Amino acid sequence: MSWRQTTADGVVLNIRVVPRASKTGVQGVLGNALKIRLQAPPVDGKANAALVKFLADTLGIAKSNITLLSGETGRVKRILIRSLEEDGVRRLWSQ
């Protein structure tokens, strides 16, 4: 299974989050997930909010196009990004 899957609704990404990192950014692929480091702590949804903001800013899309499908309280998350094509995934990977 890949870390990304194209669906009729958009692209679903498997993301492994590392909270409380010194710097926010994409670290690389780890197994079947894209590893993203976040400066935000994993409390009160702050890491989830930081992840959505990071993805929206990096991809140049509205936060409303990003939906957390699963993993709200875990480190492994499934994210649906509407209106994203393969070029957008490459932009994310190049960060």
C-alpha atoms as a PDB file:
ATOM      1  CA  MET A   1       0.000   0.000   0.000  1.00  0.00           C
ATOM      2  CA  SER A   2       1.319   3.419  -0.968  1.00  0.00           C
ATOM      3  CA  TRP A   3       1.282   6.515   1.218  1.00  0.00           C
ATOM      4  CA  ARG A   4      -1.067   8.163  -1.274  1.00  0.00           C
ATOM      5  CA  GLN A   5      -4.157   6.986  -3.105  1.00  0.00           C
ATOM      6  CA  THR A   6      -6.155   8.817  -5.744  1.00  0.00           C
ATOM      7  CA  THR A   7      -9.923   8.544  -5.283  1.00  0.00           C
ATOM      8  CA  ALA A   8     -12.955  10.077  -6.962  1.00  0.00           C
ATOM      9  CA  ASP A   9     -13.064  12.687  -4.164  1.00  0.00           C
ATOM     10  CA  GLY A  10      -9.382  13.643  -4.265  1.00  0.00           C
ATOM     11  CA  VAL A  11      -6.165  12.237  -2.850  1.00  0.00           C
ATOM     12  CA  VAL A  12      -5.977  10.284   0.405  1.00  0.00           C
ATOM     13  CA  LEU A  13      -2.650  10.557   2.203  1.00  0.00           C
ATOM     14  CA  ASN A  14      -1.354   8.311   4.975  1.00  0.00           C
ATOM     15  CA  ILE A  15       0.664  10.568   7.254  1.00  0.00           C
ATOM     16  CA  ARG A  16       2.771   9.727  10.284  1.00  0.00           C
ATOM     17  CA  VAL A  17       3.027  12.806  12.494  1.00  0.00           C
ATOM     18  CA  VAL A  18       5.925  13.559  14.809  1.00  0.00           C
ATOM     19  CA  PRO A  19       4.713  16.271  17.208  1.00  0.00           C
ATOM     20  CA  ARG A  20       6.923  18.623  19.222  1.00  0.00           C
ATOM     21  CA  ALA A  21       9.605  18.656  16.528  1.00  0.00           C
ATOM     22  CA  SER A  22      12.144  21.452  16.358  1.00  0.00           C
ATOM     23  CA  LYS A  23      10.937  22.387  12.862  1.00  0.00           C
ATOM     24  CA  THR A  24       7.765  21.705  10.855  1.00  0.00           C
ATOM     25  CA  GLY A  25       8.284  19.923   7.544  1.00  0.00           C
ATOM     26  CA  VAL A  26       8.176  16.734   5.518  1.00  0.00           C
ATOM     27  CA  GLN A  27      10.837  14.259   6.588  1.00  0.00           C
ATOM     28  CA  GLY A  28      10.224  11.557   3.983  1.00  0.00           C
ATOM     29  CA  VAL A  29       8.408   8.301   3.427  1.00  0.00           C
ATOM     30  CA  LEU A  30       8.331   5.813   6.283  1.00  0.00           C
ATOM     31  CA  GLY A  31       6.816   2.492   5.198  1.00  0.00           C
ATOM     32  CA  ASN A  32       3.382   3.299   3.822  1.00  0.00           C
ATOM     33  CA  ALA A  33       3.142   6.795   5.310  1.00  0.00           C
ATOM     34  CA  LEU A  34       4.543  10.244   4.628  1.00  0.00           C
ATOM     35  CA  LYS A  35       6.377  11.394   7.757  1.00  0.00           C
ATOM     36  CA  ILE A  36       5.710  15.000   8.722  1.00  0.00           C
ATOM     37  CA  ARG A  37       7.312  16.702  11.697  1.00  0.00           C
ATOM     38  CA  LEU A  38       5.245  19.361  13.493  1.00  0.00           C
ATOM     39  CA  GLN A  39       6.324  21.887  16.089  1.00  0.00           C
ATOM     40  CA  ALA A  40       2.867  21.735  17.688  1.00  0.00           C
ATOM     41  CA  PRO A  41       2.236  19.560  20.749  1.00  0.00           C
ATOM     42  CA  PRO A  42      -0.228  16.653  20.543  1.00  0.00           C
ATOM     43  CA  VAL A  43      -2.742  18.176  22.958  1.00  0.00           C
ATOM     44  CA  ASP A  44      -6.212  19.666  22.434  1.00  0.00           C
ATOM     45  CA  GLY A  45      -6.064  19.064  18.671  1.00  0.00           C
ATOM     46  CA  LYS A  46      -3.150  21.460  18.188  1.00  0.00           C
ATOM     47  CA  ALA A  47      -1.088  18.977  16.154  1.00  0.00           C
ATOM     48  CA  ASN A  48      -4.076  18.192  13.908  1.00  0.00           C
ATOM     49  CA  ALA A  49      -4.703  21.896  13.326  1.00  0.00           C
ATOM     50  CA  ALA A  50      -1.005  22.473  12.604  1.00  0.00           C
ATOM     51  CA  LEU A  51      -0.997  19.578  10.135  1.00  0.00           C
ATOM     52  CA  VAL A  52      -4.010  20.937   8.249  1.00  0.00           C
ATOM     53  CA  LYS A  53      -2.480  24.431   8.155  1.00  0.00           C
ATOM     54  CA  PHE A  54       0.887  23.073   6.975  1.00  0.00           C
ATOM     55  CA  LEU A  55      -0.735  21.030   4.196  1.00  0.00           C
ATOM     56  CA  ALA A  56      -2.959  23.916   3.077  1.00  0.00           C
ATOM     57  CA  ASP A  57      -0.068  26.403   3.038  1.00  0.00           C
ATOM     58  CA  THR A  58       2.296  24.002   1.271  1.00  0.00           C
ATOM     59  CA  LEU A  59      -0.230  22.960  -1.366  1.00  0.00           C
ATOM     60  CA  GLY A  60      -1.724  26.426  -1.821  1.00  0.00           C
ATOM     61  CA  ILE A  61      -5.279  25.281  -1.117  1.00  0.00           C
ATOM     62  CA  ALA A  62      -7.971  26.233   1.386  1.00  0.00           C
ATOM     63  CA  LYS A  63      -8.046  24.395   4.716  1.00  0.00           C
ATOM     64  CA  SER A  64     -11.663  23.510   3.948  1.00  0.00           C
ATOM     65  CA  ASN A  65     -10.394  21.169   1.199  1.00  0.00           C
ATOM     66  CA  ILE A  66      -8.637  19.018   3.807  1.00  0.00           C
ATOM     67  CA  THR A  67     -10.502  16.429   5.880  1.00  0.00           C
ATOM     68  CA  LEU A  68      -9.088  14.226   8.615  1.00  0.00           C
ATOM     69  CA  LEU A  69     -10.570  10.788   7.865  1.00  0.00           C
ATOM     70  CA  SER A  70      -8.979   8.862  10.722  1.00  0.00           C
ATOM     71  CA  GLY A  71      -6.294   9.092  13.365  1.00  0.00           C
ATOM     72  CA  GLU A  72      -7.556  12.096  15.276  1.00  0.00           C
ATOM     73  CA  THR A  73      -5.791  11.018  18.474  1.00  0.00           C
ATOM     74  CA  GLY A  74      -3.034   8.886  16.962  1.00  0.00           C
ATOM     75  CA  ARG A  75       0.205   9.595  15.150  1.00  0.00           C
ATOM     76  CA  VAL A  76      -0.884   7.836  11.943  1.00  0.00           C
ATOM     77  CA  LYS A  77      -3.547   9.811  10.110  1.00  0.00           C
ATOM     78  CA  ARG A  78      -5.527   9.450   6.906  1.00  0.00           C
ATOM     79  CA  ILE A  79      -6.167  12.784   5.230  1.00  0.00           C
ATOM     80  CA  LEU A  80      -8.460  13.466   2.267  1.00  0.00           C
ATOM     81  CA  ILE A  81      -7.420  16.407   0.146  1.00  0.00           C
ATOM     82  CA  ARG A  82     -10.020  17.522  -2.364  1.00  0.00           C
ATOM     83  CA  SER A  83      -9.004  19.310  -5.549  1.00  0.00           C
ATOM     84  CA  LEU A  84      -5.474  17.919  -5.419  1.00  0.00           C
ATOM     85  CA  GLU A  85      -3.751  16.411  -8.412  1.00  0.00           C
ATOM     86  CA  GLU A  86      -0.451  14.572  -8.749  1.00  0.00           C
ATOM     87  CA  ASP A  87       1.411  17.872  -9.240  1.00  0.00           C
ATOM     88  CA  GLY A  88       0.247  18.983  -5.804  1.00  0.00           C
ATOM     89  CA  VAL A  89       1.532  15.765  -4.256  1.00  0.00           C
ATOM     90  CA  ARG A  90       4.939  16.447  -5.823  1.00  0.00           C
ATOM     91  CA  ARG A  91       4.905  19.950  -4.276  1.00  0.00           C
ATOM     92  CA  LEU A  92       4.285  18.414  -0.872  1.00  0.00           C
ATOM     93  CA  TRP A  93       7.026  15.826  -1.304  1.00  0.00           C
ATOM     94  CA  SER A  94       9.568  18.497  -2.362  1.00  0.00           C
ATOM     95  CA  GLN A  95       9.232  20.339   0.974  1.00  0.00           C
END
